[in-house]
PDB file of N, CA and C in Angstrom:
ATOM      1  N   UNK A   1      85.511  91.104 102.190  1.00  0.00           N
ATOM      2  CA  UNK A   1      84.125  91.979 102.469  1.00  0.00           C
ATOM      3  C   UNK A   1      83.324  90.396 103.401  1.00  0.00           C
ATOM      4  N   UNK A   2      83.709  89.358 103.648  1.00  0.00           N
ATOM      5  CA  UNK A   2      83.071  88.406 104.598  1.00  0.00           C
ATOM      6  C   UNK A   2      83.051  89.333 106.220  1.00  0.00           C
ATOM      7  N   UNK A   3      83.839  89.596 106.581  1.00  0.00           N
ATOM      8  CA  UNK A   3      84.267  89.865 108.004  1.00  0.00           C
ATOM      9  C   UNK A   3      83.202  90.971 108.358  1.00  0.00           C
ATOM     10  N   UNK A   4      82.696  92.457 107.140  1.00  0.00           N
ATOM     11  CA  UNK A   4      81.916  93.456 107.014  1.00  0.00           C
ATOM     12  C   UNK A   4      80.442  92.823 107.209  1.00  0.00           C
ATOM     13  N   UNK A   5      80.147  91.737 106.265  1.00  0.00           N
ATOM     14  CA  UNK A   5      78.978  91.266 106.575  1.00  0.00           C
ATOM     15  C   UNK A   5      78.655  90.460 107.948  1.00  0.00           C
ATOM     16  N   UNK A   6      79.695  89.512 108.153  1.00  0.00           N
ATOM     17  CA  UNK A   6      79.573  88.953 109.259  1.00  0.00           C
ATOM     18  C   UNK A   6      79.534  90.387 110.166  1.00  0.00           C
ATOM     19  N   UNK A   7      80.003  91.161 111.033  1.00  0.00           N
ATOM     20  CA  UNK A   7      79.745  92.163 111.471  1.00  0.00           C
ATOM     21  C   UNK A   7      78.323  92.868 111.814  1.00  0.00           C
ATOM     22  N   UNK A   8      78.034  92.873 110.488  1.00  0.00           N
ATOM     23  CA  UNK A   8      76.113  93.322 109.421  1.00  0.00           C
ATOM     24  C   UNK A   8      75.148  92.451 109.814  1.00  0.00           C
ATOM     25  N   UNK A   9      75.989  91.182 110.344  1.00  0.00           N
ATOM     26  CA  UNK A   9      74.568  89.932 110.108  1.00  0.00           C
ATOM     27  C   UNK A   9      73.753  90.348 112.003  1.00  0.00           C
ATOM     28  N   UNK A  10      74.469  90.362 112.301  1.00  0.00           N
ATOM     29  CA  UNK A  10      73.419  90.892 113.943  1.00  0.00           C
ATOM     30  C   UNK A  10      72.375  91.646 114.014  1.00  0.00           C
ATOM     31  N   UNK A  11      72.212  92.621 112.671  1.00  0.00           N
ATOM     32  CA  UNK A  11      70.893  92.868 112.884  1.00  0.00           C
ATOM     33  C   UNK A  11      69.963  92.204 112.212  1.00  0.00           C
ATOM     34  N   UNK A  12      68.294  92.214 113.019  1.00  0.00           N
ATOM     35  CA  UNK A  12      67.717  90.925 112.723  1.00  0.00           C
ATOM     36  C   UNK A  12      66.056  92.446 111.971  1.00  0.00           C
ATOM     37  N   UNK A  13      65.628  91.848 111.609  1.00  0.00           N
ATOM     38  CA  UNK A  13      63.865  92.096 110.864  1.00  0.00           C
ATOM     39  C   UNK A  13      64.327  92.374 109.655  1.00  0.00           C
ATOM     40  N   UNK A  14      63.263  92.522 109.013  1.00  0.00           N
ATOM     41  CA  UNK A  14      62.983  92.923 107.351  1.00  0.00           C
ATOM     42  C   UNK A  14      62.566  94.063 107.068  1.00  0.00           C
ATOM     43  N   UNK A  15      62.945  94.903 105.958  1.00  0.00           N
ATOM     44  CA  UNK A  15      62.214  95.987 105.542  1.00  0.00           C
ATOM     45  C   UNK A  15      61.205  96.043 104.998  1.00  0.00           C
ATOM     46  N   UNK A  16      60.500  96.696 104.763  1.00  0.00           N
ATOM     47  CA  UNK A  16      58.564  96.445 103.864  1.00  0.00           C
ATOM     48  C   UNK A  16      58.853  95.274 102.859  1.00  0.00           C
ATOM     49  N   UNK A  17      59.590  95.721 102.213  1.00  0.00           N
ATOM     50  CA  UNK A  17      59.852  94.869 101.184  1.00  0.00           C
ATOM     51  C   UNK A  17      60.186  93.695 100.899  1.00  0.00           C
ATOM     52  N   UNK A  18      60.099  93.192 102.275  1.00  0.00           N
ATOM     53  CA  UNK A  18      60.267  91.865 102.713  1.00  0.00           C
ATOM     54  C   UNK A  18      62.387  91.261 102.350  1.00  0.00           C
ATOM     55  N   UNK A  19      63.328  92.481 102.392  1.00  0.00           N
ATOM     56  CA  UNK A  19      64.834  92.059 102.134  1.00  0.00           C
ATOM     57  C   UNK A  19      65.012  92.113 104.125  1.00  0.00           C
ATOM     58  N   UNK A  20      65.665  91.033 104.171  1.00  0.00           N
ATOM     59  CA  UNK A  20      66.157  90.927 105.989  1.00  0.00           C
ATOM     60  C   UNK A  20      66.967  92.455 105.976  1.00  0.00           C
ATOM     61  N   UNK A  21      67.319  92.673 106.917  1.00  0.00           N
ATOM     62  CA  UNK A  21      67.759  94.044 107.146  1.00  0.00           C
ATOM     63  C   UNK A  21      69.123  93.564 107.337  1.00  0.00           C
ATOM     64  N   UNK A  22      69.659  92.082 107.889  1.00  0.00           N
ATOM     65  CA  UNK A  22      71.090  91.572 107.556  1.00  0.00           C
ATOM     66  C   UNK A  22      72.098  92.051 106.664  1.00  0.00           C
ATOM     67  N   UNK A  23      70.482  91.458 105.512  1.00  0.00           N
ATOM     68  CA  UNK A  23      71.315  91.019 104.163  1.00  0.00           C
ATOM     69  C   UNK A  23      71.309  92.407 103.199  1.00  0.00           C
ATOM     70  N   UNK A  24      70.222  93.418 103.480  1.00  0.00           N
ATOM     71  CA  UNK A  24      71.129  94.889 103.114  1.00  0.00           C
ATOM     72  C   UNK A  24      71.974  95.344 103.921  1.00  0.00           C
ATOM     73  N   UNK A  25      72.330  95.192 105.472  1.00  0.00           N
ATOM     74  CA  UNK A  25      73.196  95.990 105.621  1.00  0.00           C
ATOM     75  C   UNK A  25      74.899  95.190 104.575  1.00  0.00           C
ATOM     76  N   UNK A  26      74.847  93.606 104.721  1.00  0.00           N
ATOM     77  CA  UNK A  26      76.022  93.211 103.803  1.00  0.00           C
ATOM     78  C   UNK A  26      75.974  93.839 102.836  1.00  0.00           C
ATOM     79  N   UNK A  27      75.053  94.190 101.933  1.00  0.00           N
ATOM     80  CA  UNK A  27      75.149  94.326 100.162  1.00  0.00           C
ATOM     81  C   UNK A  27      75.715  96.070 100.569  1.00  0.00           C
ATOM     82  N   UNK A  28      75.319  96.716 101.644  1.00  0.00           N
ATOM     83  CA  UNK A  28      75.536  98.355 101.546  1.00  0.00           C
ATOM     84  C   UNK A  28      77.040  98.527 101.894  1.00  0.00           C
ATOM     85  N   UNK A  29      77.326  97.541 102.967  1.00  0.00           N
ATOM     86  CA  UNK A  29      79.269  97.583 103.322  1.00  0.00           C
ATOM     87  C   UNK A  29      79.694  97.215 101.899  1.00  0.00           C
ATOM     88  N   UNK A  30      79.305  96.110 101.260  1.00  0.00           N
ATOM     89  CA  UNK A  30      79.917  95.707  99.836  1.00  0.00           C
ATOM     90  C   UNK A  30      79.976  96.899  99.193  1.00  0.00           C
ATOM     91  N   UNK A  31      79.123  97.097  98.233  1.00  0.00           N
ATOM     92  CA  UNK A  31      79.035  98.113  97.767  1.00  0.00           C
ATOM     93  C   UNK A  31      80.131  99.634  98.447  1.00  0.00           C
ATOM     94  N   UNK A  32      79.757  99.885  99.572  1.00  0.00           N
ATOM     95  CA  UNK A  32      81.081 100.873  99.953  1.00  0.00           C
ATOM     96  C   UNK A  32      81.908 100.632 100.043  1.00  0.00           C
ATOM     97  N   UNK A  33      82.308  99.446 100.297  1.00  0.00           N
ATOM     98  CA  UNK A  33      83.897  98.933 100.108  1.00  0.00           C
ATOM     99  C   UNK A  33      84.072  98.668  98.460  1.00  0.00           C
ATOM    100  N   UNK A  34      83.780  98.577  97.570  1.00  0.00           N
ATOM    101  CA  UNK A  34      83.832  98.437  96.060  1.00  0.00           C
ATOM    102  C   UNK A  34      83.406 100.263  95.642  1.00  0.00           C
ATOM    103  N   UNK A  35      83.056 101.267  96.325  1.00  0.00           N
ATOM    104  CA  UNK A  35      83.310 102.434  95.561  1.00  0.00           C
ATOM    105  C   UNK A  35      84.181 103.307  96.703  1.00  0.00           C
ATOM    106  N   UNK A  36      84.614 102.802  98.020  1.00  0.00           N
ATOM    107  CA  UNK A  36      86.047 103.295  98.111  1.00  0.00           C
ATOM    108  C   UNK A  36      87.254 102.397  97.306  1.00  0.00           C
ATOM    109  N   UNK A  37      87.234 101.823  96.768  1.00  0.00           N
ATOM    110  CA  UNK A  37      87.984 101.193  96.453  1.00  0.00           C
ATOM    111  C   UNK A  37      88.422 101.627  94.484  1.00  0.00           C
ATOM    112  N   UNK A  38      86.925 101.831  94.000  1.00  0.00           N
ATOM    113  CA  UNK A  38      87.007 102.808  92.649  1.00  0.00           C
ATOM    114  C   UNK A  38      87.686 104.116  92.953  1.00  0.00           C
ATOM    115  N   UNK A  39      87.246 104.631  94.555  1.00  0.00           N
ATOM    116  CA  UNK A  39      87.661 106.148  94.253  1.00  0.00           C
ATOM    117  C   UNK A  39      89.233 106.532  94.551  1.00  0.00           C
ATOM    118  N   UNK A  40      90.071 105.019  95.762  1.00  0.00           N
ATOM    119  CA  UNK A  40      91.461 105.052  95.319  1.00  0.00           C
ATOM    120  C   UNK A  40      92.340 104.761  93.808  1.00  0.00           C
ATOM    121  N   UNK A  41      91.581 104.143  93.462  1.00  0.00           N
ATOM    122  CA  UNK A  41      91.938 103.672  92.113  1.00  0.00           C
ATOM    123  C   UNK A  41      92.196 104.879  91.402  1.00  0.00           C
ATOM    124  N   UNK A  42      90.874 105.511  91.153  1.00  0.00           N
ATOM    125  CA  UNK A  42      90.338 106.623  90.850  1.00  0.00           C
ATOM    126  C   UNK A  42      91.651 107.813  90.809  1.00  0.00           C
ATOM    127  N   UNK A  43      91.776 108.114  92.056  1.00  0.00           N
ATOM    128  CA  UNK A  43      92.946 108.844  92.391  1.00  0.00           C
ATOM    129  C   UNK A  43      94.255 108.735  92.470  1.00  0.00           C
ATOM    130  N   UNK A  44      94.897 107.465  92.077  1.00  0.00           N
ATOM    131  CA  UNK A  44      96.103 107.214  91.662  1.00  0.00           C
ATOM    132  C   UNK A  44      96.206 107.074  90.215  1.00  0.00           C
ATOM    133  N   UNK A  45      95.172 106.742  89.385  1.00  0.00           N
ATOM    134  CA  UNK A  45      95.312 107.439  87.954  1.00  0.00           C
ATOM    135  C   UNK A  45      95.056 108.657  87.639  1.00  0.00           C
ATOM    136  N   UNK A  46      95.097 109.399  88.174  1.00  0.00           N
ATOM    137  CA  UNK A  46      94.881 110.989  88.260  1.00  0.00           C
ATOM    138  C   UNK A  46      96.315 111.478  88.745  1.00  0.00           C
ATOM    139  N   UNK A  47      96.827 110.917  89.922  1.00  0.00           N
ATOM    140  CA  UNK A  47      97.882 111.301  89.935  1.00  0.00           C
ATOM    141  C   UNK A  47      99.027 110.932  89.534  1.00  0.00           C
ATOM    142  N   UNK A  48      99.032 109.698  88.510  1.00  0.00           N
ATOM    143  CA  UNK A  48     100.035 109.205  87.273  1.00  0.00           C
ATOM    144  C   UNK A  48      99.968 110.220  86.522  1.00  0.00           C
ATOM    145  N   UNK A  49      98.827 110.017  85.975  1.00  0.00           N
ATOM    146  CA  UNK A  49      98.608 110.958  84.871  1.00  0.00           C
ATOM    147  C   UNK A  49      99.549 112.510  85.079  1.00  0.00           C
ATOM    148  N   UNK A  50      98.998 112.876  86.546  1.00  0.00           N
ATOM    149  CA  UNK A  50      98.965 115.029  86.790  1.00  0.00           C
ATOM    150  C   UNK A  50     101.313 114.185  86.370  1.00  0.00           C
ATOM    151  N   UNK A  51     101.827 113.596  87.299  1.00  0.00           N
ATOM    152  CA  UNK A  51     103.286 113.054  86.905  1.00  0.00           C
ATOM    153  C   UNK A  51     103.611 113.025  85.967  1.00  0.00           C
ATOM    154  N   UNK A  52     103.189 111.830  85.186  1.00  0.00           N
ATOM    155  CA  UNK A  52     103.446 111.973  83.455  1.00  0.00           C
ATOM    156  C   UNK A  52     103.073 113.339  82.640  1.00  0.00           C
ATOM    157  N   UNK A  53     102.157 114.081  82.940  1.00  0.00           N
ATOM    158  CA  UNK A  53     102.271 115.566  82.178  1.00  0.00           C
ATOM    159  C   UNK A  53     103.514 116.127  82.766  1.00  0.00           C
ATOM    160  N   UNK A  54     103.619 116.558  84.229  1.00  0.00           N
ATOM    161  CA  UNK A  54     104.824 117.352  84.352  1.00  0.00           C
ATOM    162  C   UNK A  54     105.896 116.681  83.962  1.00  0.00           C
ATOM    163  N   UNK A  55     106.477 115.554  83.677  1.00  0.00           N
ATOM    164  CA  UNK A  55     107.400 115.350  82.727  1.00  0.00           C
ATOM    165  C   UNK A  55     107.456 115.746  81.924  1.00  0.00           C
ATOM    166  N   UNK A  56     106.741 116.183  80.831  1.00  0.00           N
ATOM    167  CA  UNK A  56     106.401 116.654  80.079  1.00  0.00           C
ATOM    168  C   UNK A  56     106.954 118.225  79.683  1.00  0.00           C
ATOM    169  N   UNK A  57     106.389 118.423  80.905  1.00  0.00           N
ATOM    170  CA  UNK A  57     106.177 120.134  80.740  1.00  0.00           C
ATOM    171  C   UNK A  57     108.023 120.495  81.158  1.00  0.00           C
ATOM    172  N   UNK A  58     108.326 119.543  82.387  1.00  0.00           N
ATOM    173  CA  UNK A  58     109.705 120.363  82.319  1.00  0.00           C
ATOM    174  C   UNK A  58     111.215 120.595  81.962  1.00  0.00           C
ATOM    175  N   UNK A  59     110.607 119.607  80.490  1.00  0.00           N
ATOM    176  CA  UNK A  59     111.567 120.184  79.736  1.00  0.00           C
ATOM    177  C   UNK A  59     111.672 121.945  79.073  1.00  0.00           C
ATOM    178  N   UNK A  60     110.469 121.332  78.587  1.00  0.00           N
ATOM    179  CA  UNK A  60     110.230 122.960  78.568  1.00  0.00           C
ATOM    180  C   UNK A  60     110.213 124.016  78.967  1.00  0.00           C
ATOM    181  N   UNK A  61     110.437 123.971  80.582  1.00  0.00           N
ATOM    182  CA  UNK A  61     110.833 125.145  81.500  1.00  0.00           C
ATOM    183  C   UNK A  61     112.013 125.529  81.659  1.00  0.00           C
ATOM    184  N   UNK A  62     113.011 123.777  81.378  1.00  0.00           N
ATOM    185  CA  UNK A  62     114.408 124.604  81.047  1.00  0.00           C
ATOM    186  C   UNK A  62     114.890 125.057  79.716  1.00  0.00           C
TER     187      UNK A  62
END
């Protein structure tokens, strides 16, 4: 994530609340990275649940 923050550190200035734009960009990038990781973990978990359910149903079909 440091790489993400370094890329966004070029932004200068402050928001009306006094937050540096570079800090805001860094926090946004970190949040997006965490959300993407959570999405991928959720998708993997759902895929695993589907595979397990398919294993249970396969003998019933035969």
